[in-house]
C-alpha atoms as a PDB file:
ATOM      1  CA  MET A   1       0.016  -0.203   0.029  1.00  0.00           C
ATOM      2  CA  ILE A   2       1.321   3.156  -0.948  1.00  0.00           C
ATOM      3  CA  SER A   3       1.735   5.902   1.815  1.00  0.00           C
ATOM      4  CA  PRO A   4       0.248   9.585   1.424  1.00  0.00           C
ATOM      5  CA  GLU A   5       2.965  11.078   3.473  1.00  0.00           C
ATOM      6  CA  ARG A   6       4.101  13.867   1.072  1.00  0.00           C
ATOM      7  CA  SER A   7       7.434  15.339   1.339  1.00  0.00           C
ATOM      8  CA  SER A   8       6.212  18.593   2.698  1.00  0.00           C
ATOM      9  CA  SER A   9       4.160  18.625   5.366  1.00  0.00           C
ATOM     10  CA  GLN A  10       3.328  22.315   5.678  1.00  0.00           C
ATOM     11  CA  SER A  11       0.729  23.730   2.445  1.00  0.00           C
ATOM     12  CA  PRO A  12       3.178  26.199   0.279  1.00  0.00           C
ATOM     13  CA  ARG A  13       0.479  28.998   1.623  1.00  0.00           C
ATOM     14  CA  SER A  14       2.010  28.045   5.446  1.00  0.00           C
ATOM     15  CA  GLN A  15       5.024  28.103   4.391  1.00  0.00           C
ATOM     16  CA  ALA A  16       5.218  31.479   1.922  1.00  0.00           C
ATOM     17  CA  VAL A  17       4.031  32.710   5.355  1.00  0.00           C
ATOM     18  CA  ALA A  18       6.885  31.366   7.306  1.00  0.00           C
ATOM     19  CA  GLY A  19       8.597  32.866   4.583  1.00  0.00           C
ATOM     20  CA  ALA A  20      10.569  29.815   3.928  1.00  0.00           C
ATOM     21  CA  PRO A  21      11.741  28.667   0.696  1.00  0.00           C
ATOM     22  CA  PHE A  22       9.254  25.829  -0.423  1.00  0.00           C
ATOM     23  CA  LEU A  23       9.201  23.689  -3.601  1.00  0.00           C
ATOM     24  CA  TRP A  24       5.516  21.718  -3.572  1.00  0.00           C
ATOM     25  CA  ILE A  25       4.627  19.466  -6.202  1.00  0.00           C
ATOM     26  CA  SER A  26       1.371  17.503  -6.961  1.00  0.00           C
ATOM     27  CA  VAL A  27       0.654  14.382  -9.443  1.00  0.00           C
ATOM     28  CA  MET A  28      -3.162  14.933  -9.869  1.00  0.00           C
ATOM     29  CA  ASP A  29      -6.471  13.934 -11.777  1.00  0.00           C
ATOM     30  CA  PRO A  30      -4.823  10.534 -14.043  1.00  0.00           C
ATOM     31  CA  VAL A  31      -6.905  10.453 -17.199  1.00  0.00           C
ATOM     32  CA  LYS A  32      -6.481   7.668 -20.105  1.00  0.00           C
ATOM     33  CA  MET A  33      -5.780   8.962 -23.379  1.00  0.00           C
ATOM     34  CA  GLY A  34      -5.975   7.116 -26.694  1.00  0.00           C
ATOM     35  CA  THR A  35      -7.338   3.702 -27.450  1.00  0.00           C
ATOM     36  CA  GLY A  36      -6.274  -0.009 -27.882  1.00  0.00           C
ATOM     37  CA  VAL A  37      -2.913  -0.473 -27.490  1.00  0.00           C
ATOM     38  CA  GLN A  38      -2.062   3.154 -27.561  1.00  0.00           C
ATOM     39  CA  ALA A  39      -3.675   3.911 -24.503  1.00  0.00           C
ATOM     40  CA  TYR A  40      -2.096   5.870 -21.638  1.00  0.00           C
ATOM     41  CA  ILE A  41      -2.411   7.383 -18.666  1.00  0.00           C
ATOM     42  CA  SER A  42      -1.770  11.293 -18.401  1.00  0.00           C
ATOM     43  CA  TYR A  43      -1.137  13.347 -15.060  1.00  0.00           C
ATOM     44  CA  ARG A  44      -1.845  16.841 -14.080  1.00  0.00           C
ATOM     45  CA  VAL A  45       1.459  18.355 -12.253  1.00  0.00           C
ATOM     46  CA  ILE A  46       1.124  21.021 -10.090  1.00  0.00           C
ATOM     47  CA  THR A  47       3.985  22.960  -9.143  1.00  0.00           C
ATOM     48  CA  LYS A  48       3.973  25.711  -6.837  1.00  0.00           C
ATOM     49  CA  THR A  49       7.291  27.602  -5.482  1.00  0.00           C
ATOM     50  CA  ASN A  50       9.043  30.991  -4.357  1.00  0.00           C
ATOM     51  CA  LEU A  51      12.476  29.243  -5.408  1.00  0.00           C
ATOM     52  CA  PRO A  52      14.025  31.906  -7.796  1.00  0.00           C
ATOM     53  CA  GLU A  53      15.137  29.642 -10.325  1.00  0.00           C
ATOM     54  CA  PHE A  54      12.214  28.708 -11.383  1.00  0.00           C
ATOM     55  CA  GLU A  55       9.917  30.833 -13.805  1.00  0.00           C
ATOM     56  CA  GLY A  56       7.106  31.793 -11.698  1.00  0.00           C
ATOM     57  CA  PRO A  57       5.050  30.904  -8.582  1.00  0.00           C
ATOM     58  CA  GLU A  58       3.109  28.046 -10.460  1.00  0.00           C
ATOM     59  CA  LYS A  59       3.162  26.089 -13.087  1.00  0.00           C
ATOM     60  CA  ILE A  60       0.672  22.824 -14.560  1.00  0.00           C
ATOM     61  CA  VAL A  61       1.866  20.520 -16.920  1.00  0.00           C
ATOM     62  CA  ILE A  62       0.920  17.572 -18.250  1.00  0.00           C
ATOM     63  CA  ARG A  63       2.903  14.331 -18.171  1.00  0.00           C
ATOM     64  CA  ARG A  64       2.975  10.433 -18.585  1.00  0.00           C
ATOM     65  CA  TYR A  65       4.783   7.623 -17.028  1.00  0.00           C
ATOM     66  CA  SER A  66       7.114   7.828 -20.002  1.00  0.00           C
ATOM     67  CA  ASP A  67       8.083  11.262 -18.873  1.00  0.00           C
ATOM     68  CA  PHE A  68       8.645  10.364 -14.954  1.00  0.00           C
ATOM     69  CA  GLU A  69      10.823   7.581 -16.641  1.00  0.00           C
ATOM     70  CA  TRP A  70      12.651  10.513 -18.553  1.00  0.00           C
ATOM     71  CA  LEU A  71      13.163  12.230 -15.088  1.00  0.00           C
ATOM     72  CA  HIS A  72      14.598   9.304 -13.595  1.00  0.00           C
ATOM     73  CA  ASP A  73      16.880   8.286 -16.498  1.00  0.00           C
ATOM     74  CA  ARG A  74      18.463  11.386 -16.352  1.00  0.00           C
ATOM     75  CA  LEU A  75      19.232  11.967 -13.320  1.00  0.00           C
ATOM     76  CA  ALA A  76      20.599   8.727 -12.886  1.00  0.00           C
ATOM     77  CA  GLU A  77      23.233   9.480 -15.498  1.00  0.00           C
ATOM     78  CA  ARG A  78      23.519  13.006 -14.168  1.00  0.00           C
ATOM     79  CA  TYR A  79      24.204  12.456 -10.758  1.00  0.00           C
ATOM     80  CA  LYS A  80      26.524   9.244 -10.702  1.00  0.00           C
ATOM     81  CA  GLY A  81      26.720   7.749  -6.635  1.00  0.00           C
ATOM     82  CA  VAL A  82      23.225   9.692  -5.797  1.00  0.00           C
ATOM     83  CA  PHE A  83      20.532   7.579  -4.764  1.00  0.00           C
ATOM     84  CA  ILE A  84      17.886   8.079  -6.923  1.00  0.00           C
ATOM     85  CA  PRO A  85      14.307   7.083  -5.846  1.00  0.00           C
ATOM     86  CA  PRO A  86      12.989   4.253  -7.445  1.00  0.00           C
ATOM     87  CA  LEU A  87       9.831   4.641 -10.270  1.00  0.00           C
ATOM     88  CA  PRO A  88       6.511   2.265  -9.092  1.00  0.00           C
ATOM     89  CA  GLU A  89       6.696  -0.782 -11.902  1.00  0.00           C
ATOM     90  CA  LYS A  90       5.987   0.247 -15.152  1.00  0.00           C
ATOM     91  CA  ASN A  91       4.233  -3.527 -15.920  1.00  0.00           C
ATOM     92  CA  ALA A  92       1.230  -4.523 -15.210  1.00  0.00           C
ATOM     93  CA  VAL A  93      -1.590  -7.147 -15.722  1.00  0.00           C
ATOM     94  CA  GLU A  94      -3.479  -5.814 -18.976  1.00  0.00           C
ATOM     95  CA  LYS A  95      -6.861  -6.779 -17.394  1.00  0.00           C
ATOM     96  CA  PHE A  96      -5.922  -4.156 -14.613  1.00  0.00           C
ATOM     97  CA  ARG A  97      -3.920  -1.811 -16.000  1.00  0.00           C
ATOM     98  CA  PHE A  98      -6.674   0.996 -16.142  1.00  0.00           C
ATOM     99  CA  SER A  99      -8.675   0.244 -13.391  1.00  0.00           C
ATOM    100  CA  LYS A 100      -9.114   2.859 -10.956  1.00  0.00           C
ATOM    101  CA  GLU A 101      -7.377   1.156  -8.292  1.00  0.00           C
ATOM    102  CA  PHE A 102      -4.466   0.337 -10.384  1.00  0.00           C
ATOM    103  CA  ILE A 103      -4.594   4.193 -11.586  1.00  0.00           C
ATOM    104  CA  GLU A 104      -4.527   5.797  -8.210  1.00  0.00           C
ATOM    105  CA  LEU A 105      -1.752   3.547  -6.322  1.00  0.00           C
ATOM    106  CA  ARG A 106       0.113   4.679  -9.217  1.00  0.00           C
ATOM    107  CA  ARG A 107      -0.362   8.398  -9.141  1.00  0.00           C
ATOM    108  CA  GLN A 108      -0.123   8.287  -5.265  1.00  0.00           C
ATOM    109  CA  ALA A 109       3.540   6.083  -5.955  1.00  0.00           C
ATOM    110  CA  LEU A 110       4.426   8.708  -8.890  1.00  0.00           C
ATOM    111  CA  ASP A 111       3.447  11.596  -6.547  1.00  0.00           C
ATOM    112  CA  LEU A 112       5.637  10.370  -3.875  1.00  0.00           C
ATOM    113  CA  PHE A 113       8.813   9.809  -6.511  1.00  0.00           C
ATOM    114  CA  VAL A 114       8.854  13.349  -7.895  1.00  0.00           C
ATOM    115  CA  ASN A 115       8.512  14.843  -3.935  1.00  0.00           C
ATOM    116  CA  ARG A 116      11.401  12.388  -3.013  1.00  0.00           C
ATOM    117  CA  ILE A 117      13.601  14.241  -5.239  1.00  0.00           C
ATOM    118  CA  ALA A 118      12.222  17.490  -4.758  1.00  0.00           C
ATOM    119  CA  SER A 119      13.181  17.224  -0.706  1.00  0.00           C
ATOM    120  CA  HIS A 120      16.801  16.072  -2.232  1.00  0.00           C
ATOM    121  CA  PRO A 121      19.084  18.860  -1.512  1.00  0.00           C
ATOM    122  CA  GLU A 122      20.891  18.342  -4.545  1.00  0.00           C
ATOM    123  CA  LEU A 123      18.112  16.935  -7.291  1.00  0.00           C
ATOM    124  CA  LYS A 124      16.367  19.511  -6.141  1.00  0.00           C
ATOM    125  CA  GLN A 125      18.619  22.130  -8.046  1.00  0.00           C
ATOM    126  CA  SER A 126      18.944  20.031 -11.516  1.00  0.00           C
ATOM    127  CA  ASP A 127      17.724  21.606 -14.424  1.00  0.00           C
ATOM    128  CA  VAL A 128      16.567  18.123 -15.164  1.00  0.00           C
ATOM    129  CA  LEU A 129      13.632  18.446 -12.815  1.00  0.00           C
ATOM    130  CA  ARG A 130      12.744  22.017 -13.444  1.00  0.00           C
ATOM    131  CA  THR A 131      12.649  20.844 -17.054  1.00  0.00           C
ATOM    132  CA  PHE A 132      10.352  18.340 -16.076  1.00  0.00           C
ATOM    133  CA  LEU A 133       8.233  20.562 -14.160  1.00  0.00           C
ATOM    134  CA  GLN A 134       8.107  23.478 -16.309  1.00  0.00           C
ATOM    135  CA  ALA A 135       8.327  22.534 -20.236  1.00  0.00           C
ATOM    136  CA  ASP A 136       5.560  22.384 -22.208  1.00  0.00           C
ATOM    137  CA  GLU A 137       4.633  19.077 -23.908  1.00  0.00           C
ATOM    138  CA  GLU A 138       6.572  19.338 -27.037  1.00  0.00           C
ATOM    139  CA  ILE A 139       9.598  20.091 -25.345  1.00  0.00           C
ATOM    140  CA  MET A 140       9.124  16.930 -23.431  1.00  0.00           C
ATOM    141  CA  ASP A 141       8.146  14.816 -26.844  1.00  0.00           C
ATOM    142  CA  ARG A 142      11.452  16.085 -28.546  1.00  0.00           C
ATOM    143  CA  ALA A 143      13.036  15.056 -25.134  1.00  0.00           C
ATOM    144  CA  ARG A 144      11.888  11.402 -25.340  1.00  0.00           C
ATOM    145  CA  SER A 145      12.294  11.432 -29.151  1.00  0.00           C
ATOM    146  CA  TYR A 146      16.197  11.893 -28.471  1.00  0.00           C
ATOM    147  CA  GLU A 147      16.202   8.606 -26.229  1.00  0.00           C
ATOM    148  CA  THR A 148      15.383   6.615 -30.066  1.00  0.00           C
ATOM    149  CA  GLY A 149      18.668   8.689 -31.653  1.00  0.00           C
ATOM    150  CA  ILE A 150      16.764  10.877 -34.021  1.00  0.00           C
ATOM    151  CA  PHE A 151      19.078  13.319 -32.692  1.00  0.00           C
ATOM    152  CA  LYS A 152      22.555  12.278 -33.673  1.00  0.00           C
ATOM    153  CA  LYS A 153      24.862  15.346 -35.500  1.00  0.00           C
ATOM    154  CA  PRO A 154      25.579  18.282 -34.026  1.00  0.00           C
ATOM    155  CA  SER A 155      23.620  20.122 -36.694  1.00  0.00           C
ATOM    156  CA  ASP A 156      20.266  18.060 -35.248  1.00  0.00           C
ATOM    157  CA  PHE A 157      20.657  19.823 -31.915  1.00  0.00           C
ATOM    158  CA  LEU A 158      21.692  23.353 -33.433  1.00  0.00           C
ATOM    159  CA  GLN A 159      18.343  22.745 -35.913  1.00  0.00           C
ATOM    160  CA  MET A 160      15.949  22.207 -32.932  1.00  0.00           C
ATOM    161  CA  PHE A 161      17.550  24.602 -30.825  1.00  0.00           C
ATOM    162  CA  LYS A 162      17.045  27.515 -33.427  1.00  0.00           C
ATOM    163  CA  VAL A 163      13.230  26.296 -33.467  1.00  0.00           C
ATOM    164  CA  LEU A 164      12.682  26.104 -29.956  1.00  0.00           C
ATOM    165  CA  SER A 165      13.913  29.649 -29.352  1.00  0.00           C
ATOM    166  CA  LEU A 166      11.330  31.073 -31.493  1.00  0.00           C
ATOM    167  CA  VAL A 167       7.976  29.255 -29.364  1.00  0.00           C
ATOM    168  CA  SER A 168       9.832  29.220 -26.135  1.00  0.00           C
ATOM    169  CA  PRO A 169      11.492  31.363 -23.679  1.00  0.00           C
ATOM    170  CA  VAL A 170      15.085  31.387 -23.767  1.00  0.00           C
ATOM    171  CA  ARG A 171      15.430  29.554 -20.330  1.00  0.00           C
ATOM    172  CA  HIS A 172      13.397  26.367 -21.848  1.00  0.00           C
ATOM    173  CA  SER A 173      16.086  26.064 -24.706  1.00  0.00           C
ATOM    174  CA  CYS A 174      19.002  26.172 -22.491  1.00  0.00           C
ATOM    175  CA  TYR A 175      17.204  23.922 -20.146  1.00  0.00           C
ATOM    176  CA  PHE A 176      16.938  21.446 -23.121  1.00  0.00           C
ATOM    177  CA  LEU A 177      20.271  22.052 -24.399  1.00  0.00           C
ATOM    178  CA  ASN A 178      22.018  21.197 -21.175  1.00  0.00           C
ATOM    179  CA  ILE A 179      19.611  18.077 -20.532  1.00  0.00           C
ATOM    180  CA  PHE A 180      21.295  16.711 -24.332  1.00  0.00           C
ATOM    181  CA  LEU A 181      24.677  18.243 -24.596  1.00  0.00           C
ATOM    182  CA  SER A 182      26.300  16.188 -21.990  1.00  0.00           C
ATOM    183  CA  SER A 183      28.803  15.075 -24.247  1.00  0.00           C
ATOM    184  CA  TYR A 184      31.934  17.020 -23.986  1.00  0.00           C
ATOM    185  CA  LYS A 185      32.460  16.372 -27.431  1.00  0.00           C
ATOM    186  CA  ILE A 186      29.458  17.493 -28.186  1.00  0.00           C
ATOM    187  CA  ARG A 187      29.447  20.916 -26.455  1.00  0.00           C
ATOM    188  CA  THR A 188      32.476  21.955 -27.966  1.00  0.00           C
ATOM    189  CA  SER A 189      31.534  21.198 -31.176  1.00  0.00           C
ATOM    190  CA  ILE A 190      28.520  23.327 -31.175  1.00  0.00           C
ATOM    191  CA  ILE A 191      29.749  26.211 -28.874  1.00  0.00           C
ATOM    192  CA  SER A 192      30.846  28.528 -31.400  1.00  0.00           C
ATOM    193  CA  CYS A 193      27.711  28.026 -33.257  1.00  0.00           C
ATOM    194  CA  ILE A 194      25.070  28.813 -30.675  1.00  0.00           C
ATOM    195  CA  ALA A 195      26.871  31.837 -28.746  1.00  0.00           C
ATOM    196  CA  PRO A 196      26.161  34.383 -31.251  1.00  0.00           C
ATOM    197  CA  ILE A 197      22.205  33.107 -30.892  1.00  0.00           C
ATOM    198  CA  HIS A 198      21.581  33.787 -27.250  1.00  0.00           C
ATOM    199  CA  PRO A 199      25.236  34.754 -25.975  1.00  0.00           C
ATOM    200  CA  GLY A 200      25.425  34.557 -22.352  1.00  0.00           C
ATOM    201  CA  HIS A 201      22.290  32.732 -21.085  1.00  0.00           C
ATOM    202  CA  CYS A 202      23.077  29.157 -21.710  1.00  0.00           C
END
């Protein structure tokens, strides 16, 4: 049975009144999307915070299980030697996969997962977490696409960066680049191309 205990016992309102920095996250409102083998569950992820690294005091995004997997795997790659909270198991018996009981248990487990990350003094500072909590669905879709090997060459990254710079705030584009350009070789090969686009931001 998943415990309903949250990483923070105080509401955002009480924490703000107290003047303490806070990062409050809630995974809510699971909804079945699609049909047949393409069906999946989406969740509303609500973030409330007074931390200056975030773009505003409140953000609501839509996420699916594969987005939580992306968050877990990117943190595991970035923070070697740091314990990354485990995700709830992905596989479920087909006939129970969309039952109300299973969906609610998974929602609770995903809520606990992301709040454990947010309560960790090092992980909560990660641009990976900020991207997960703030980026729009198009950026998250592109993030998952990277794992399939679609973006392999520096020119692919540069073109993607230019497009995102037109439709998203600069900070989102920088988060996105920082996540994918983890290879020093790739960073150095395109840094001279990126610098004239947004000098001083990344």
